[in-house]
Each structure stands twice: as structure tokens, then as C-alpha cells.
């Protein structure tokens, strides 16, 4: 997991990552268990129940100063990060 290797400023999590792989809930649980919080977390999943589970888990255990958002990254963040839809 990238969070074990370097500091992450902004992380955007999806819940449904595909068959036979960890889901976003597994990633959120690892973040909590290992205290690998980035500075800010967005939840861009289309799964309402998955989003709620991840949000509640991450928010309940987050250190002071960490921001957890119950939704996707706003367009302004994407623009500042240099993302564009081609």
C-alpha cells in the first residue's frame, strides 16, 4: 500500500475495486489499523453503503487535523492537481 511507503497529501477511495482484490473498506480498515492517514480523504465510490462504512470508520478514528469527506473530490481540487478529462 502506497501509504506505507510515502507521505500522501490527498487520497480518494473507491469502495468496489473489482473481483478478487481488497475493497475500499479493506483499505480504510488498514489505514485505521496502521494509522496511515493522509492529510485529506475523499470517497468517490458509487456505492452509498460502501461510502458510509468507509466514512464512519475513517472519521471515528482519524487523528486531529485529518479531513475526511463523505463524497468525491471537488472539481477545484482536480483542477489544482492538474487533472483534466481528455
PDB file of N, CA and C in Angstrom:
ATOM      1  N   UNK A   1       0.855  -1.173   0.000  1.00  0.00           N
ATOM      2  CA  UNK A   1       0.000   0.000   0.000  1.00  0.00           C
ATOM      3  C   UNK A   1       0.901   1.236   0.000  1.00  0.00           C
ATOM      4  N   UNK A   2       0.588   2.164  -0.875  1.00  0.00           N
ATOM      5  CA  UNK A   2       1.372   3.387  -1.054  1.00  0.00           C
ATOM      6  C   UNK A   2       1.568   4.153   0.258  1.00  0.00           C
ATOM      7  N   UNK A   3       0.555   4.155   1.099  1.00  0.00           N
ATOM      8  CA  UNK A   3       0.629   4.902   2.361  1.00  0.00           C
ATOM      9  C   UNK A   3       1.732   4.388   3.286  1.00  0.00           C
ATOM     10  N   UNK A   4       2.168   3.164   3.096  1.00  0.00           N
ATOM     11  CA  UNK A   4       3.272   2.620   3.898  1.00  0.00           C
ATOM     12  C   UNK A   4       4.624   3.129   3.409  1.00  0.00           C
ATOM     13  N   UNK A   5       4.675   3.573   2.170  1.00  0.00           N
ATOM     14  CA  UNK A   5       5.941   3.924   1.537  1.00  0.00           C
ATOM     15  C   UNK A   5       6.258   5.411   1.527  1.00  0.00           C
ATOM     16  N   UNK A   6       5.235   6.253   1.539  1.00  0.00           N
ATOM     17  CA  UNK A   6       5.488   7.691   1.477  1.00  0.00           C
ATOM     18  C   UNK A   6       4.314   8.465   2.069  1.00  0.00           C
ATOM     19  N   UNK A   7       4.551   9.734   2.343  1.00  0.00           N
ATOM     20  CA  UNK A   7       3.510  10.619   2.858  1.00  0.00           C
ATOM     21  C   UNK A   7       2.557  10.966   1.715  1.00  0.00           C
ATOM     22  N   UNK A   8       1.266  10.908   1.993  1.00  0.00           N
ATOM     23  CA  UNK A   8       0.242  11.206   0.991  1.00  0.00           C
ATOM     24  C   UNK A   8      -0.563  12.405   1.478  1.00  0.00           C
ATOM     25  N   UNK A   9      -0.701  13.402   0.625  1.00  0.00           N
ATOM     26  CA  UNK A   9      -1.468  14.584   0.986  1.00  0.00           C
ATOM     27  C   UNK A   9      -2.961  14.367   0.829  1.00  0.00           C
ATOM     28  N   UNK A  10      -3.383  13.929  -0.353  1.00  0.00           N
ATOM     29  CA  UNK A  10      -4.802  13.740  -0.649  1.00  0.00           C
ATOM     30  C   UNK A  10      -5.003  12.337  -1.203  1.00  0.00           C
ATOM     31  N   UNK A  11      -5.997  11.634  -0.666  1.00  0.00           N
ATOM     32  CA  UNK A  11      -6.324  10.282  -1.107  1.00  0.00           C
ATOM     33  C   UNK A  11      -7.799  10.235  -1.462  1.00  0.00           C
ATOM     34  N   UNK A  12      -8.128   9.612  -2.586  1.00  0.00           N
ATOM     35  CA  UNK A  12      -9.513   9.415  -2.981  1.00  0.00           C
ATOM     36  C   UNK A  12      -9.767   7.914  -3.061  1.00  0.00           C
ATOM     37  N   UNK A  13     -10.740   7.425  -2.293  1.00  0.00           N
ATOM     38  CA  UNK A  13     -11.006   5.992  -2.213  1.00  0.00           C
ATOM     39  C   UNK A  13     -12.292   5.602  -2.921  1.00  0.00           C
ATOM     40  N   UNK A  14     -12.220   4.482  -3.630  1.00  0.00           N
ATOM     41  CA  UNK A  14     -13.387   3.830  -4.214  1.00  0.00           C
ATOM     42  C   UNK A  14     -13.678   2.609  -3.357  1.00  0.00           C
ATOM     43  N   UNK A  15     -14.934   2.200  -3.262  1.00  0.00           N
ATOM     44  CA  UNK A  15     -15.254   1.026  -2.453  1.00  0.00           C
ATOM     45  C   UNK A  15     -15.115  -0.257  -3.253  1.00  0.00           C
ATOM     46  N   UNK A  16     -15.693  -0.294  -4.434  1.00  0.00           N
ATOM     47  CA  UNK A  16     -15.692  -1.506  -5.251  1.00  0.00           C
ATOM     48  C   UNK A  16     -14.505  -1.471  -6.200  1.00  0.00           C
ATOM     49  N   UNK A  17     -13.469  -2.241  -5.869  1.00  0.00           N
ATOM     50  CA  UNK A  17     -12.222  -2.207  -6.631  1.00  0.00           C
ATOM     51  C   UNK A  17     -12.102  -3.356  -7.626  1.00  0.00           C
ATOM     52  N   UNK A  18     -13.053  -4.259  -7.649  1.00  0.00           N
ATOM     53  CA  UNK A  18     -13.021  -5.370  -8.588  1.00  0.00           C
ATOM     54  C   UNK A  18     -12.966  -6.706  -7.873  1.00  0.00           C
ATOM     55  N   UNK A  19     -13.181  -7.779  -8.644  1.00  0.00           N
ATOM     56  CA  UNK A  19     -13.190  -9.112  -8.038  1.00  0.00           C
ATOM     57  C   UNK A  19     -11.790  -9.547  -7.594  1.00  0.00           C
ATOM     58  N   UNK A  20     -11.754 -10.313  -6.536  1.00  0.00           N
ATOM     59  CA  UNK A  20     -10.515 -10.926  -6.037  1.00  0.00           C
ATOM     60  C   UNK A  20      -9.454  -9.933  -5.588  1.00  0.00           C
ATOM     61  N   UNK A  21      -9.854  -8.728  -5.200  1.00  0.00           N
ATOM     62  CA  UNK A  21      -8.909  -7.751  -4.657  1.00  0.00           C
ATOM     63  C   UNK A  21      -9.540  -7.128  -3.412  1.00  0.00           C
ATOM     64  N   UNK A  22      -8.716  -6.444  -2.640  1.00  0.00           N
ATOM     65  CA  UNK A  22      -9.244  -5.720  -1.482  1.00  0.00           C
ATOM     66  C   UNK A  22     -10.288  -4.715  -1.959  1.00  0.00           C
ATOM     67  N   UNK A  23     -11.295  -4.445  -1.129  1.00  0.00           N
ATOM     68  CA  UNK A  23     -12.216  -3.362  -1.467  1.00  0.00           C
ATOM     69  C   UNK A  23     -11.829  -2.130  -0.657  1.00  0.00           C
ATOM     70  N   UNK A  24     -12.504  -1.028  -0.913  1.00  0.00           N
ATOM     71  CA  UNK A  24     -12.182   0.211  -0.219  1.00  0.00           C
ATOM     72  C   UNK A  24     -12.335   0.110   1.287  1.00  0.00           C
ATOM     73  N   UNK A  25     -13.259  -0.738   1.745  1.00  0.00           N
ATOM     74  CA  UNK A  25     -13.414  -0.957   3.177  1.00  0.00           C
ATOM     75  C   UNK A  25     -12.181  -1.609   3.780  1.00  0.00           C
ATOM     76  N   UNK A  26     -11.564  -2.525   3.027  1.00  0.00           N
ATOM     77  CA  UNK A  26     -10.321  -3.157   3.488  1.00  0.00           C
ATOM     78  C   UNK A  26      -9.200  -2.127   3.575  1.00  0.00           C
ATOM     79  N   UNK A  27      -9.136  -1.249   2.589  1.00  0.00           N
ATOM     80  CA  UNK A  27      -8.114  -0.196   2.589  1.00  0.00           C
ATOM     81  C   UNK A  27      -8.346   0.751   3.769  1.00  0.00           C
ATOM     82  N   UNK A  28      -9.601   1.151   3.983  1.00  0.00           N
ATOM     83  CA  UNK A  28      -9.921   2.036   5.114  1.00  0.00           C
ATOM     84  C   UNK A  28      -9.563   1.368   6.440  1.00  0.00           C
ATOM     85  N   UNK A  29      -9.846   0.075   6.572  1.00  0.00           N
ATOM     86  CA  UNK A  29      -9.513  -0.644   7.805  1.00  0.00           C
ATOM     87  C   UNK A  29      -8.005  -0.675   8.028  1.00  0.00           C
ATOM     88  N   UNK A  30      -7.228  -0.856   6.960  1.00  0.00           N
ATOM     89  CA  UNK A  30      -5.766  -0.851   7.081  1.00  0.00           C
ATOM     90  C   UNK A  30      -5.261   0.530   7.482  1.00  0.00           C
ATOM     91  N   UNK A  31      -5.866   1.579   6.924  1.00  0.00           N
ATOM     92  CA  UNK A  31      -5.483   2.949   7.290  1.00  0.00           C
ATOM     93  C   UNK A  31      -5.689   3.158   8.788  1.00  0.00           C
ATOM     94  N   UNK A  32      -6.847   2.736   9.289  1.00  0.00           N
ATOM     95  CA  UNK A  32      -7.160   2.896  10.712  1.00  0.00           C
ATOM     96  C   UNK A  32      -6.231   2.033  11.564  1.00  0.00           C
ATOM     97  N   UNK A  33      -6.105   0.768  11.201  1.00  0.00           N
ATOM     98  CA  UNK A  33      -5.307  -0.178  11.994  1.00  0.00           C
ATOM     99  C   UNK A  33      -3.844   0.254  12.104  1.00  0.00           C
ATOM    100  N   UNK A  34      -3.280   0.726  10.979  1.00  0.00           N
ATOM    101  CA  UNK A  34      -1.863   1.082  10.946  1.00  0.00           C
ATOM    102  C   UNK A  34      -1.615   2.580  11.128  1.00  0.00           C
ATOM    103  N   UNK A  35      -2.707   3.348  11.329  1.00  0.00           N
ATOM    104  CA  UNK A  35      -2.617   4.808  11.477  1.00  0.00           C
ATOM    105  C   UNK A  35      -1.825   5.431  10.326  1.00  0.00           C
ATOM    106  N   UNK A  36      -2.210   5.085   9.105  1.00  0.00           N
ATOM    107  CA  UNK A  36      -1.542   5.557   7.892  1.00  0.00           C
ATOM    108  C   UNK A  36      -2.349   6.657   7.212  1.00  0.00           C
ATOM    109  N   UNK A  37      -2.889   7.557   7.980  1.00  0.00           N
ATOM    110  CA  UNK A  37      -3.770   8.585   7.435  1.00  0.00           C
ATOM    111  C   UNK A  37      -3.026   9.586   6.559  1.00  0.00           C
ATOM    112  N   UNK A  38      -3.586   9.874   5.370  1.00  0.00           N
ATOM    113  CA  UNK A  38      -3.102  11.024   4.616  1.00  0.00           C
ATOM    114  C   UNK A  38      -3.679  12.287   5.257  1.00  0.00           C
ATOM    115  N   UNK A  39      -3.359  13.436   4.698  1.00  0.00           N
ATOM    116  CA  UNK A  39      -3.873  14.693   5.253  1.00  0.00           C
ATOM    117  C   UNK A  39      -5.365  14.871   4.988  1.00  0.00           C
ATOM    118  N   UNK A  40      -5.832  14.341   3.842  1.00  0.00           N
ATOM    119  CA  UNK A  40      -7.222  14.550   3.440  1.00  0.00           C
ATOM    120  C   UNK A  40      -7.697  13.335   2.649  1.00  0.00           C
ATOM    121  N   UNK A  41      -8.943  12.892   2.911  1.00  0.00           N
ATOM    122  CA  UNK A  41      -9.501  11.716   2.249  1.00  0.00           C
ATOM    123  C   UNK A  41     -10.852  12.065   1.637  1.00  0.00           C
ATOM    124  N   UNK A  42     -11.019  11.686   0.366  1.00  0.00           N
ATOM    125  CA  UNK A  42     -12.296  11.813  -0.339  1.00  0.00           C
ATOM    126  C   UNK A  42     -12.789  10.412  -0.674  1.00  0.00           C
ATOM    127  N   UNK A  43     -14.101  10.247  -0.772  1.00  0.00           N
ATOM    128  CA  UNK A  43     -14.706   8.949  -1.071  1.00  0.00           C
ATOM    129  C   UNK A  43     -15.508   9.072  -2.359  1.00  0.00           C
ATOM    130  N   UNK A  44     -14.928   8.597  -3.472  1.00  0.00           N
ATOM    131  CA  UNK A  44     -15.558   8.795  -4.778  1.00  0.00           C
ATOM    132  C   UNK A  44     -16.366   7.593  -5.262  1.00  0.00           C
ATOM    133  N   UNK A  45     -16.660   6.663  -4.404  1.00  0.00           N
ATOM    134  CA  UNK A  45     -17.351   5.444  -4.794  1.00  0.00           C
ATOM    135  C   UNK A  45     -18.808   5.688  -5.173  1.00  0.00           C
ATOM    136  N   UNK A  46     -19.325   4.824  -6.040  1.00  0.00           N
ATOM    137  CA  UNK A  46     -20.744   4.900  -6.404  1.00  0.00           C
ATOM    138  C   UNK A  46     -21.600   4.040  -5.471  1.00  0.00           C
ATOM    139  N   UNK A  47     -20.976   3.373  -4.513  1.00  0.00           N
ATOM    140  CA  UNK A  47     -21.690   2.530  -3.551  1.00  0.00           C
ATOM    141  C   UNK A  47     -22.043   3.350  -2.307  1.00  0.00           C
ATOM    142  N   UNK A  48     -23.320   3.733  -2.148  1.00  0.00           N
ATOM    143  CA  UNK A  48     -23.700   4.530  -0.977  1.00  0.00           C
ATOM    144  C   UNK A  48     -23.384   3.828   0.347  1.00  0.00           C
ATOM    145  N   UNK A  49     -23.658   2.536   0.433  1.00  0.00           N
ATOM    146  CA  UNK A  49     -23.387   1.830   1.690  1.00  0.00           C
ATOM    147  C   UNK A  49     -21.886   1.696   1.927  1.00  0.00           C
ATOM    148  N   UNK A  50     -21.112   1.468   0.868  1.00  0.00           N
ATOM    149  CA  UNK A  50     -19.658   1.396   0.997  1.00  0.00           C
ATOM    150  C   UNK A  50     -19.075   2.726   1.428  1.00  0.00           C
ATOM    151  N   UNK A  51     -19.582   3.818   0.841  1.00  0.00           N
ATOM    152  CA  UNK A  51     -19.117   5.159   1.205  1.00  0.00           C
ATOM    153  C   UNK A  51     -19.382   5.427   2.684  1.00  0.00           C
ATOM    154  N   UNK A  52     -20.581   5.107   3.138  1.00  0.00           N
ATOM    155  CA  UNK A  52     -20.938   5.348   4.535  1.00  0.00           C
ATOM    156  C   UNK A  52     -20.067   4.528   5.478  1.00  0.00           C
ATOM    157  N   UNK A  53     -19.837   3.253   5.154  1.00  0.00           N
ATOM    158  CA  UNK A  53     -18.989   2.407   6.005  1.00  0.00           C
ATOM    159  C   UNK A  53     -17.574   2.965   6.101  1.00  0.00           C
ATOM    160  N   UNK A  54     -17.004   3.329   4.954  1.00  0.00           N
ATOM    161  CA  UNK A  54     -15.642   3.869   4.959  1.00  0.00           C
ATOM    162  C   UNK A  54     -15.587   5.178   5.737  1.00  0.00           C
ATOM    163  N   UNK A  55     -16.553   6.067   5.486  1.00  0.00           N
ATOM    164  CA  UNK A  55     -16.570   7.365   6.161  1.00  0.00           C
ATOM    165  C   UNK A  55     -16.629   7.192   7.678  1.00  0.00           C
ATOM    166  N   UNK A  56     -17.576   6.376   8.140  1.00  0.00           N
ATOM    167  CA  UNK A  56     -17.741   6.202   9.586  1.00  0.00           C
ATOM    168  C   UNK A  56     -16.483   5.627  10.224  1.00  0.00           C
ATOM    169  N   UNK A  57     -15.870   4.634   9.578  1.00  0.00           N
ATOM    170  CA  UNK A  57     -14.661   4.020  10.119  1.00  0.00           C
ATOM    171  C   UNK A  57     -13.509   5.021  10.164  1.00  0.00           C
ATOM    172  N   UNK A  58     -13.287   5.715   9.051  1.00  0.00           N
ATOM    173  CA  UNK A  58     -12.172   6.658   8.973  1.00  0.00           C
ATOM    174  C   UNK A  58     -12.383   7.859   9.891  1.00  0.00           C
ATOM    175  N   UNK A  59     -13.592   8.410   9.885  1.00  0.00           N
ATOM    176  CA  UNK A  59     -13.864   9.606  10.683  1.00  0.00           C
ATOM    177  C   UNK A  59     -13.753   9.321  12.178  1.00  0.00           C
ATOM    178  N   UNK A  60     -14.276   8.195  12.600  1.00  0.00           N
ATOM    179  CA  UNK A  60     -14.273   7.852  14.025  1.00  0.00           C
ATOM    180  C   UNK A  60     -12.855   7.739  14.586  1.00  0.00           C
ATOM    181  N   UNK A  61     -11.910   7.314  13.775  1.00  0.00           N
ATOM    182  CA  UNK A  61     -10.555   7.043  14.264  1.00  0.00           C
ATOM    183  C   UNK A  61      -9.505   8.035  13.783  1.00  0.00           C
ATOM    184  N   UNK A  62      -9.900   9.043  13.041  1.00  0.00           N
ATOM    185  CA  UNK A  62      -8.920   9.945  12.433  1.00  0.00           C
ATOM    186  C   UNK A  62      -8.182  10.779  13.477  1.00  0.00           C
ATOM    187  N   UNK A  63      -6.908  11.034  13.236  1.00  0.00           N
ATOM    188  CA  UNK A  63      -6.172  11.947  14.112  1.00  0.00           C
ATOM    189  C   UNK A  63      -6.645  13.389  13.898  1.00  0.00           C
ATOM    190  N   UNK A  64      -6.383  14.245  14.866  1.00  0.00           N
ATOM    191  CA  UNK A  64      -6.702  15.665  14.713  1.00  0.00           C
ATOM    192  C   UNK A  64      -5.990  16.215  13.480  1.00  0.00           C
ATOM    193  N   UNK A  65      -6.663  17.058  12.750  1.00  0.00           N
ATOM    194  CA  UNK A  65      -6.059  17.689  11.588  1.00  0.00           C
ATOM    195  C   UNK A  65      -6.296  16.956  10.283  1.00  0.00           C
ATOM    196  N   UNK A  66      -6.743  15.704  10.339  1.00  0.00           N
ATOM    197  CA  UNK A  66      -7.039  14.946   9.121  1.00  0.00           C
ATOM    198  C   UNK A  66      -8.477  15.247   8.711  1.00  0.00           C
ATOM    199  N   UNK A  67      -8.680  15.519   7.431  1.00  0.00           N
ATOM    200  CA  UNK A  67     -10.018  15.806   6.911  1.00  0.00           C
ATOM    201  C   UNK A  67     -10.532  14.583   6.158  1.00  0.00           C
ATOM    202  N   UNK A  68     -11.752  14.149   6.494  1.00  0.00           N
ATOM    203  CA  UNK A  68     -12.402  13.039   5.803  1.00  0.00           C
ATOM    204  C   UNK A  68     -13.699  13.575   5.216  1.00  0.00           C
ATOM    205  N   UNK A  69     -13.860  13.459   3.896  1.00  0.00           N
ATOM    206  CA  UNK A  69     -15.032  13.980   3.194  1.00  0.00           C
ATOM    207  C   UNK A  69     -15.946  12.831   2.780  1.00  0.00           C
ATOM    208  N   UNK A  70     -17.235  13.016   2.945  1.00  0.00           N
ATOM    209  CA  UNK A  70     -18.228  11.986   2.614  1.00  0.00           C
ATOM    210  C   UNK A  70     -18.668  12.136   1.153  1.00  0.00           C
ATOM    211  N   UNK A  71     -17.718  12.269   0.261  1.00  0.00           N
ATOM    212  CA  UNK A  71     -18.041  12.413  -1.148  1.00  0.00           C
ATOM    213  C   UNK A  71     -16.783  12.587  -1.973  1.00  0.00           C
ATOM    214  N   UNK A  72     -16.970  12.767  -3.280  1.00  0.00           N
ATOM    215  CA  UNK A  72     -15.823  12.866  -4.185  1.00  0.00           C
ATOM    216  C   UNK A  72     -15.090  14.203  -4.078  1.00  0.00           C
ATOM    217  N   UNK A  73     -13.939  14.216  -4.684  1.00  0.00           N
ATOM    218  CA  UNK A  73     -13.103  15.411  -4.715  1.00  0.00           C
ATOM    219  C   UNK A  73     -13.767  16.481  -5.590  1.00  0.00           C
ATOM    220  N   UNK A  74     -13.886  17.705  -5.101  1.00  0.00           N
ATOM    221  CA  UNK A  74     -14.483  18.778  -5.901  1.00  0.00           C
ATOM    222  C   UNK A  74     -13.639  19.088  -7.141  1.00  0.00           C
ATOM    223  N   UNK A  75     -14.283  19.630  -8.155  1.00  0.00           N
ATOM    224  CA  UNK A  75     -13.605  19.964  -9.411  1.00  0.00           C
ATOM    225  C   UNK A  75     -12.407  20.884  -9.183  1.00  0.00           C
ATOM    226  N   UNK A  76     -12.501  21.783  -8.227  1.00  0.00           N
ATOM    227  CA  UNK A  76     -11.402  22.718  -7.960  1.00  0.00           C
ATOM    228  C   UNK A  76     -10.140  21.978  -7.510  1.00  0.00           C
ATOM    229  N   UNK A  77     -10.313  20.938  -6.707  1.00  0.00           N
ATOM    230  CA  UNK A  77      -9.166  20.122  -6.288  1.00  0.00           C
ATOM    231  C   UNK A  77      -8.535  19.445  -7.500  1.00  0.00           C
ATOM    232  N   UNK A  78      -9.388  18.870  -8.353  1.00  0.00           N
ATOM    233  CA  UNK A  78      -8.879  18.190  -9.545  1.00  0.00           C
ATOM    234  C   UNK A  78      -8.140  19.163 -10.454  1.00  0.00           C
ATOM    235  N   UNK A  79      -8.690  20.356 -10.595  1.00  0.00           N
ATOM    236  CA  UNK A  79      -8.051  21.372 -11.428  1.00  0.00           C
ATOM    237  C   UNK A  79      -6.682  21.740 -10.870  1.00  0.00           C
ATOM    238  N   UNK A  80      -6.597  21.945  -9.564  1.00  0.00           N
ATOM    239  CA  UNK A  80      -5.327  22.306  -8.929  1.00  0.00           C
ATOM    240  C   UNK A  80      -4.305  21.181  -8.999  1.00  0.00           C
ATOM    241  N   UNK A  81      -4.790  19.939  -9.096  1.00  0.00           N
ATOM    242  CA  UNK A  81      -3.886  18.793  -9.185  1.00  0.00           C
ATOM    243  C   UNK A  81      -3.438  18.547 -10.623  1.00  0.00           C
ATOM    244  N   UNK A  82      -3.967  19.318 -11.560  1.00  0.00           N
ATOM    245  CA  UNK A  82      -3.576  19.171 -12.956  1.00  0.00           C
ATOM    246  C   UNK A  82      -4.357  18.113 -13.704  1.00  0.00           C
ATOM    247  N   UNK A  83      -5.477  17.636 -13.143  1.00  0.00           N
ATOM    248  CA  UNK A  83      -6.290  16.621 -13.792  1.00  0.00           C
ATOM    249  C   UNK A  83      -7.189  17.281 -14.824  1.00  0.00           C
ATOM    250  N   UNK A  84      -7.300  16.658 -15.974  1.00  0.00           N
ATOM    251  CA  UNK A  84      -8.259  17.128 -16.978  1.00  0.00           C
ATOM    252  C   UNK A  84      -8.830  15.925 -17.695  1.00  0.00           C
ATOM    253  N   UNK A  85     -10.088  16.022 -18.077  1.00  0.00           N
ATOM    254  CA  UNK A  85     -10.722  14.943 -18.834  1.00  0.00           C
ATOM    255  C   UNK A  85     -10.356  15.124 -20.291  1.00  0.00           C
ATOM    256  N   UNK A  86      -9.696  14.138 -20.839  1.00  0.00           N
ATOM    257  CA  UNK A  86      -9.243  14.228 -22.239  1.00  0.00           C
ATOM    258  C   UNK A  86     -10.286  13.733 -23.189  1.00  0.00           C
TER     259      UNK A  86
END
